[in-house]
Amino acid sequence: MGESKTKSGLLGKILRHPLLYWILGWTALGFVLTPIFEKIGIETAQASAWQVANFLILLTVLIYFAKDPLREYLAKRSKEISGSIDEAKKMRENAESSYQDLEYKLEWIEDEISGIESKIREEAERERSRIIEEAKKQIERIKNETEFTARQELKVAEARLREEAVKKALQLAEDILKSKLSEEDEARLIEEYLQEVERGN
């Protein structure tokens, strides 16, 4: 009695199972499609109708038994895709951040280069001005030294000339006194002396 009760309960579960209704439905469809296919003019109408019904029954069974693993797979795949998308977003954010940092560094480098170029130009201009100023001072110093040397040489020449003139005047006076020259001779000697002095100048 217990065994028959168990069988009865199992049979009741099978009869109430939704999969059974799908199978019965597709089977009924096979019967329905046979006359339709015959009417259309398909030669193997019955075989074709049952091929369609069998395919739908097989598909239903596969879907029924594969739905949980398929759902798990799709959920897992969805999670993986979501994770990949999040990872891609993070990578993109990191890339954008790195790009911004690089852009900032490039701007800073450009500013630094510009500043260095400006400093170099200023330093070159200062050095140019210093060299020009130094050259002017050197020219002025050489000019002053040259003028001083020329003045000194002129003074020495004048001193020598005066010394020579004095010597000649003394010699002339001595000659005049010694020879007791006449006035004409004296005038002639003085004239010669003056001409000689002029030639010396």
C-alpha atoms as a PDB file:
ATOM      1  CA  MET A   1       0.000   0.000   0.000  1.00  0.00           C
ATOM      2  CA  GLY A   2       2.880   2.365   0.838  1.00  0.00           C
ATOM      3  CA  GLU A   3       4.566   1.553  -2.457  1.00  0.00           C
ATOM      4  CA  SER A   4       1.428   2.297  -4.464  1.00  0.00           C
ATOM      5  CA  LYS A   5       1.067   5.566  -2.543  1.00  0.00           C
ATOM      6  CA  THR A   6       4.619   6.539  -3.473  1.00  0.00           C
ATOM      7  CA  LYS A   7       4.029   5.655  -7.122  1.00  0.00           C
ATOM      8  CA  SER A   8       0.801   7.599  -7.065  1.00  0.00           C
ATOM      9  CA  GLY A   9       2.549  10.631  -5.588  1.00  0.00           C
ATOM     10  CA  LEU A  10       5.352  10.432  -8.172  1.00  0.00           C
ATOM     11  CA  LEU A  11       2.848  10.079 -11.009  1.00  0.00           C
ATOM     12  CA  GLY A  12       0.973  13.088  -9.695  1.00  0.00           C
ATOM     13  CA  LYS A  13       4.182  15.147  -9.705  1.00  0.00           C
ATOM     14  CA  ILE A  14       4.977  14.065 -13.263  1.00  0.00           C
ATOM     15  CA  LEU A  15       1.476  14.875 -14.439  1.00  0.00           C
ATOM     16  CA  ARG A  16       1.646  18.296 -12.794  1.00  0.00           C
ATOM     17  CA  HIS A  17       5.119  19.057 -14.178  1.00  0.00           C
ATOM     18  CA  PRO A  18       5.042  22.001 -16.624  1.00  0.00           C
ATOM     19  CA  LEU A  19       7.503  20.248 -18.928  1.00  0.00           C
ATOM     20  CA  LEU A  20       4.884  17.555 -19.602  1.00  0.00           C
ATOM     21  CA  TYR A  21       2.425  20.197 -20.771  1.00  0.00           C
ATOM     22  CA  TRP A  22       5.002  21.607 -23.176  1.00  0.00           C
ATOM     23  CA  ILE A  23       5.758  18.148 -24.591  1.00  0.00           C
ATOM     24  CA  LEU A  24       2.058  17.377 -24.975  1.00  0.00           C
ATOM     25  CA  GLY A  25       1.504  20.745 -26.586  1.00  0.00           C
ATOM     26  CA  TRP A  26       4.271  20.227 -29.164  1.00  0.00           C
ATOM     27  CA  THR A  27       2.954  16.678 -29.800  1.00  0.00           C
ATOM     28  CA  ALA A  28      -0.499  18.090 -30.464  1.00  0.00           C
ATOM     29  CA  LEU A  29       1.150  20.613 -32.774  1.00  0.00           C
ATOM     30  CA  GLY A  30       2.553  17.686 -34.774  1.00  0.00           C
ATOM     31  CA  PHE A  31      -0.946  16.357 -35.312  1.00  0.00           C
ATOM     32  CA  VAL A  32      -2.218  19.814 -36.245  1.00  0.00           C
ATOM     33  CA  LEU A  33       0.633  20.582 -38.677  1.00  0.00           C
ATOM     34  CA  THR A  34       0.231  17.312 -40.646  1.00  0.00           C
ATOM     35  CA  PRO A  35      -3.031  18.274 -42.446  1.00  0.00           C
ATOM     36  CA  ILE A  36      -1.798  21.857 -42.834  1.00  0.00           C
ATOM     37  CA  PHE A  37       1.398  20.709 -44.573  1.00  0.00           C
ATOM     38  CA  GLU A  38      -0.671  18.309 -46.732  1.00  0.00           C
ATOM     39  CA  LYS A  39      -2.942  21.185 -47.732  1.00  0.00           C
ATOM     40  CA  ILE A  40       0.060  23.329 -48.622  1.00  0.00           C
ATOM     41  CA  GLY A  41       1.324  20.530 -50.862  1.00  0.00           C
ATOM     42  CA  ILE A  42       4.350  19.272 -48.925  1.00  0.00           C
ATOM     43  CA  GLU A  43       4.926  15.652 -50.037  1.00  0.00           C
ATOM     44  CA  THR A  44       6.264  14.407 -46.696  1.00  0.00           C
ATOM     45  CA  ALA A  45       3.744  16.390 -44.696  1.00  0.00           C
ATOM     46  CA  GLN A  46       3.482  14.005 -41.745  1.00  0.00           C
ATOM     47  CA  ALA A  47       7.256  13.495 -41.455  1.00  0.00           C
ATOM     48  CA  SER A  48       7.883  17.242 -41.741  1.00  0.00           C
ATOM     49  CA  ALA A  49       5.210  18.023 -39.137  1.00  0.00           C
ATOM     50  CA  TRP A  50       6.726  15.552 -36.679  1.00  0.00           C
ATOM     51  CA  GLN A  51      10.230  16.865 -37.393  1.00  0.00           C
ATOM     52  CA  VAL A  52       9.033  20.319 -36.326  1.00  0.00           C
ATOM     53  CA  ALA A  53       7.275  18.886 -33.251  1.00  0.00           C
ATOM     54  CA  ASN A  54      10.312  16.764 -32.277  1.00  0.00           C
ATOM     55  CA  PHE A  55      12.629  19.755 -32.697  1.00  0.00           C
ATOM     56  CA  LEU A  56      10.408  21.899 -30.461  1.00  0.00           C
ATOM     57  CA  ILE A  57      10.156  19.105 -27.850  1.00  0.00           C
ATOM     58  CA  LEU A  58      13.969  18.662 -27.865  1.00  0.00           C
ATOM     59  CA  LEU A  59      14.494  22.411 -27.644  1.00  0.00           C
ATOM     60  CA  THR A  60      12.043  22.655 -24.729  1.00  0.00           C
ATOM     61  CA  VAL A  61      13.762  19.813 -22.834  1.00  0.00           C
ATOM     62  CA  LEU A  62      17.196  21.359 -23.443  1.00  0.00           C
ATOM     63  CA  ILE A  63      16.026  24.782 -22.299  1.00  0.00           C
ATOM     64  CA  TYR A  64      14.328  23.317 -19.228  1.00  0.00           C
ATOM     65  CA  PHE A  65      17.344  21.326 -18.053  1.00  0.00           C
ATOM     66  CA  ALA A  66      19.941  23.859 -19.173  1.00  0.00           C
ATOM     67  CA  LYS A  67      18.201  26.971 -17.865  1.00  0.00           C
ATOM     68  CA  ASP A  68      19.846  26.920 -14.409  1.00  0.00           C
ATOM     69  CA  PRO A  69      23.401  26.285 -15.682  1.00  0.00           C
ATOM     70  CA  LEU A  70      22.726  28.733 -18.511  1.00  0.00           C
ATOM     71  CA  ARG A  71      21.421  31.312 -16.055  1.00  0.00           C
ATOM     72  CA  GLU A  72      24.500  30.779 -13.878  1.00  0.00           C
ATOM     73  CA  TYR A  73      26.765  31.027 -16.900  1.00  0.00           C
ATOM     74  CA  LEU A  74      25.035  34.182 -18.115  1.00  0.00           C
ATOM     75  CA  ALA A  75      25.152  35.667 -14.602  1.00  0.00           C
ATOM     76  CA  LYS A  76      28.841  34.790 -14.334  1.00  0.00           C
ATOM     77  CA  ARG A  77      29.523  36.131 -17.805  1.00  0.00           C
ATOM     78  CA  SER A  78      27.564  39.284 -17.012  1.00  0.00           C
ATOM     79  CA  LYS A  79      29.607  39.719 -13.845  1.00  0.00           C
ATOM     80  CA  GLU A  80      32.841  39.197 -15.786  1.00  0.00           C
ATOM     81  CA  ILE A  81      31.760  41.693 -18.428  1.00  0.00           C
ATOM     82  CA  SER A  82      30.738  44.155 -15.710  1.00  0.00           C
ATOM     83  CA  GLY A  83      34.120  43.639 -14.030  1.00  0.00           C
ATOM     84  CA  SER A  84      35.889  44.143 -17.352  1.00  0.00           C
ATOM     85  CA  ILE A  85      33.904  47.328 -17.943  1.00  0.00           C
ATOM     86  CA  ASP A  86      34.789  48.599 -14.451  1.00  0.00           C
ATOM     87  CA  GLU A  87      38.430  47.699 -15.026  1.00  0.00           C
ATOM     88  CA  ALA A  88      38.365  49.448 -18.402  1.00  0.00           C
ATOM     89  CA  LYS A  89      36.817  52.522 -16.736  1.00  0.00           C
ATOM     90  CA  LYS A  90      39.557  52.510 -14.093  1.00  0.00           C
ATOM     91  CA  MET A  91      42.218  52.102 -16.766  1.00  0.00           C
ATOM     92  CA  ARG A  92      40.675  54.954 -18.729  1.00  0.00           C
ATOM     93  CA  GLU A  93      40.543  57.161 -15.626  1.00  0.00           C
ATOM     94  CA  ASN A  94      44.169  56.280 -14.842  1.00  0.00           C
ATOM     95  CA  ALA A  95      45.145  56.975 -18.449  1.00  0.00           C
ATOM     96  CA  GLU A  96      43.342  60.339 -18.371  1.00  0.00           C
ATOM     97  CA  SER A  97      44.998  61.168 -15.051  1.00  0.00           C
ATOM     98  CA  SER A  98      48.404  60.161 -16.437  1.00  0.00           C
ATOM     99  CA  TYR A  99      47.739  62.204 -19.572  1.00  0.00           C
ATOM    100  CA  GLN A 100      46.813  65.250 -17.487  1.00  0.00           C
ATOM    101  CA  ASP A 101      49.933  64.793 -15.360  1.00  0.00           C
ATOM    102  CA  LEU A 102      52.035  64.467 -18.508  1.00  0.00           C
ATOM    103  CA  GLU A 103      50.384  67.533 -20.023  1.00  0.00           C
ATOM    104  CA  TYR A 104      51.073  69.503 -16.824  1.00  0.00           C
ATOM    105  CA  LYS A 105      54.706  68.334 -16.813  1.00  0.00           C
ATOM    106  CA  LEU A 106      55.102  69.280 -20.478  1.00  0.00           C
ATOM    107  CA  GLU A 107      53.693  72.747 -19.769  1.00  0.00           C
ATOM    108  CA  TRP A 108      56.061  73.066 -16.791  1.00  0.00           C
ATOM    109  CA  ILE A 109      59.016  71.969 -18.957  1.00  0.00           C
ATOM    110  CA  GLU A 110      58.024  74.474 -21.671  1.00  0.00           C
ATOM    111  CA  ASP A 111      57.817  77.237 -19.043  1.00  0.00           C
ATOM    112  CA  GLU A 112      61.208  76.202 -17.651  1.00  0.00           C
ATOM    113  CA  ILE A 113      62.766  76.191 -21.138  1.00  0.00           C
ATOM    114  CA  SER A 114      61.238  79.588 -21.860  1.00  0.00           C
ATOM    115  CA  GLY A 115      62.599  80.912 -18.558  1.00  0.00           C
ATOM    116  CA  ILE A 116      66.061  79.488 -19.253  1.00  0.00           C
ATOM    117  CA  GLU A 117      66.059  80.975 -22.776  1.00  0.00           C
ATOM    118  CA  SER A 118      65.046  84.350 -21.327  1.00  0.00           C
ATOM    119  CA  LYS A 119      67.810  84.157 -18.701  1.00  0.00           C
ATOM    120  CA  ILE A 120      70.362  83.170 -21.362  1.00  0.00           C
ATOM    121  CA  ARG A 121      69.298  86.129 -23.536  1.00  0.00           C
ATOM    122  CA  GLU A 122      69.518  88.499 -20.561  1.00  0.00           C
ATOM    123  CA  GLU A 123      72.906  87.091 -19.549  1.00  0.00           C
ATOM    124  CA  ALA A 124      74.167  87.350 -23.144  1.00  0.00           C
ATOM    125  CA  GLU A 125      72.967  90.960 -23.336  1.00  0.00           C
ATOM    126  CA  ARG A 126      74.661  91.777 -20.018  1.00  0.00           C
ATOM    127  CA  GLU A 127      77.870  90.071 -21.184  1.00  0.00           C
ATOM    128  CA  ARG A 128      77.710  91.970 -24.482  1.00  0.00           C
ATOM    129  CA  SER A 129      77.244  95.271 -22.648  1.00  0.00           C
ATOM    130  CA  ARG A 130      80.092  94.380 -20.269  1.00  0.00           C
ATOM    131  CA  ILE A 131      82.431  93.506 -23.161  1.00  0.00           C
ATOM    132  CA  ILE A 132      81.551  96.741 -24.992  1.00  0.00           C
ATOM    133  CA  GLU A 133      82.083  98.769 -21.816  1.00  0.00           C
ATOM    134  CA  GLU A 134      85.378  96.999 -21.146  1.00  0.00           C
ATOM    135  CA  ALA A 135      86.486  97.626 -24.737  1.00  0.00           C
ATOM    136  CA  LYS A 136      85.626 101.330 -24.384  1.00  0.00           C
ATOM    137  CA  LYS A 137      87.662 101.506 -21.184  1.00  0.00           C
ATOM    138  CA  GLN A 138      90.592  99.727 -22.864  1.00  0.00           C
ATOM    139  CA  ILE A 139      90.418 102.103 -25.838  1.00  0.00           C
ATOM    140  CA  GLU A 140      90.262 105.105 -23.508  1.00  0.00           C
ATOM    141  CA  ARG A 141      93.187 103.753 -21.458  1.00  0.00           C
ATOM    142  CA  ILE A 142      95.283 103.097 -24.589  1.00  0.00           C
ATOM    143  CA  LYS A 143      94.384 106.554 -25.894  1.00  0.00           C
ATOM    144  CA  ASN A 144      95.389 108.186 -22.618  1.00  0.00           C
ATOM    145  CA  GLU A 145      98.605 106.162 -22.474  1.00  0.00           C
ATOM    146  CA  THR A 146      99.395 107.077 -26.081  1.00  0.00           C
ATOM    147  CA  GLU A 147      98.704 110.764 -25.440  1.00  0.00           C
ATOM    148  CA  PHE A 148     100.788 110.645 -22.259  1.00  0.00           C
ATOM    149  CA  THR A 149     103.657 108.915 -24.080  1.00  0.00           C
ATOM    150  CA  ALA A 150     103.445 111.430 -26.926  1.00  0.00           C
ATOM    151  CA  ARG A 151     103.476 114.347 -24.467  1.00  0.00           C
ATOM    152  CA  GLN A 152     106.435 112.848 -22.627  1.00  0.00           C
ATOM    153  CA  GLU A 153     108.345 112.303 -25.865  1.00  0.00           C
ATOM    154  CA  LEU A 154     107.511 115.850 -26.925  1.00  0.00           C
ATOM    155  CA  LYS A 155     108.759 117.196 -23.602  1.00  0.00           C
ATOM    156  CA  VAL A 156     111.965 115.195 -23.936  1.00  0.00           C
ATOM    157  CA  ALA A 157     112.431 116.449 -27.500  1.00  0.00           C
ATOM    158  CA  GLU A 158     111.774 120.044 -26.417  1.00  0.00           C
ATOM    159  CA  ALA A 159     114.205 119.683 -23.526  1.00  0.00           C
ATOM    160  CA  ARG A 160     116.873 118.298 -25.851  1.00  0.00           C
ATOM    161  CA  LEU A 161     116.207 121.075 -28.336  1.00  0.00           C
ATOM    162  CA  ARG A 162     116.493 123.719 -25.625  1.00  0.00           C
ATOM    163  CA  GLU A 163     119.669 122.114 -24.359  1.00  0.00           C
ATOM    164  CA  GLU A 164     121.089 122.068 -27.880  1.00  0.00           C
ATOM    165  CA  ALA A 165     120.047 125.699 -28.402  1.00  0.00           C
ATOM    166  CA  VAL A 166     121.722 126.754 -25.174  1.00  0.00           C
ATOM    167  CA  LYS A 167     124.892 124.909 -26.145  1.00  0.00           C
ATOM    168  CA  LYS A 168     124.933 126.528 -29.556  1.00  0.00           C
ATOM    169  CA  ALA A 169     124.273 129.979 -28.040  1.00  0.00           C
ATOM    170  CA  LEU A 170     127.130 129.527 -25.595  1.00  0.00           C
ATOM    171  CA  GLN A 171     129.378 128.295 -28.375  1.00  0.00           C
ATOM    172  CA  LEU A 172     128.397 131.283 -30.500  1.00  0.00           C
ATOM    173  CA  ALA A 173     129.078 133.689 -27.668  1.00  0.00           C
ATOM    174  CA  GLU A 174     132.401 132.055 -27.056  1.00  0.00           C
ATOM    175  CA  ASP A 175     133.290 132.289 -30.733  1.00  0.00           C
ATOM    176  CA  ILE A 176     132.298 135.950 -30.799  1.00  0.00           C
ATOM    177  CA  LEU A 177     134.384 136.762 -27.780  1.00  0.00           C
ATOM    178  CA  LYS A 178     137.368 134.846 -29.065  1.00  0.00           C
ATOM    179  CA  SER A 179     137.465 136.222 -32.544  1.00  0.00           C
ATOM    180  CA  LYS A 180     136.216 139.717 -31.741  1.00  0.00           C
ATOM    181  CA  LEU A 181     134.166 139.629 -34.799  1.00  0.00           C
ATOM    182  CA  SER A 182     132.885 142.703 -36.445  1.00  0.00           C
ATOM    183  CA  GLU A 183     129.278 143.686 -36.155  1.00  0.00           C
ATOM    184  CA  GLU A 184     128.582 142.352 -39.616  1.00  0.00           C
ATOM    185  CA  ASP A 185     130.173 139.018 -38.802  1.00  0.00           C
ATOM    186  CA  GLU A 186     128.296 138.861 -35.526  1.00  0.00           C
ATOM    187  CA  ALA A 187     124.988 139.586 -37.261  1.00  0.00           C
ATOM    188  CA  ARG A 188     125.807 136.920 -39.818  1.00  0.00           C
ATOM    189  CA  LEU A 189     126.596 134.321 -37.155  1.00  0.00           C
ATOM    190  CA  ILE A 190     123.425 135.121 -35.243  1.00  0.00           C
ATOM    191  CA  GLU A 191     121.433 134.788 -38.456  1.00  0.00           C
ATOM    192  CA  GLU A 192     123.016 131.400 -39.176  1.00  0.00           C
ATOM    193  CA  TYR A 193     122.336 130.276 -35.626  1.00  0.00           C
ATOM    194  CA  LEU A 194     118.676 131.247 -35.868  1.00  0.00           C
ATOM    195  CA  GLN A 195     118.350 129.421 -39.184  1.00  0.00           C
ATOM    196  CA  GLU A 196     119.924 126.327 -37.666  1.00  0.00           C
ATOM    197  CA  VAL A 197     117.547 126.490 -34.686  1.00  0.00           C
ATOM    198  CA  GLU A 198     114.600 126.745 -37.078  1.00  0.00           C
ATOM    199  CA  ARG A 199     115.850 123.717 -39.020  1.00  0.00           C
ATOM    200  CA  GLY A 200     116.158 121.774 -35.749  1.00  0.00           C
ATOM    201  CA  ASN A 201     112.487 122.525 -34.963  1.00  0.00           C
END
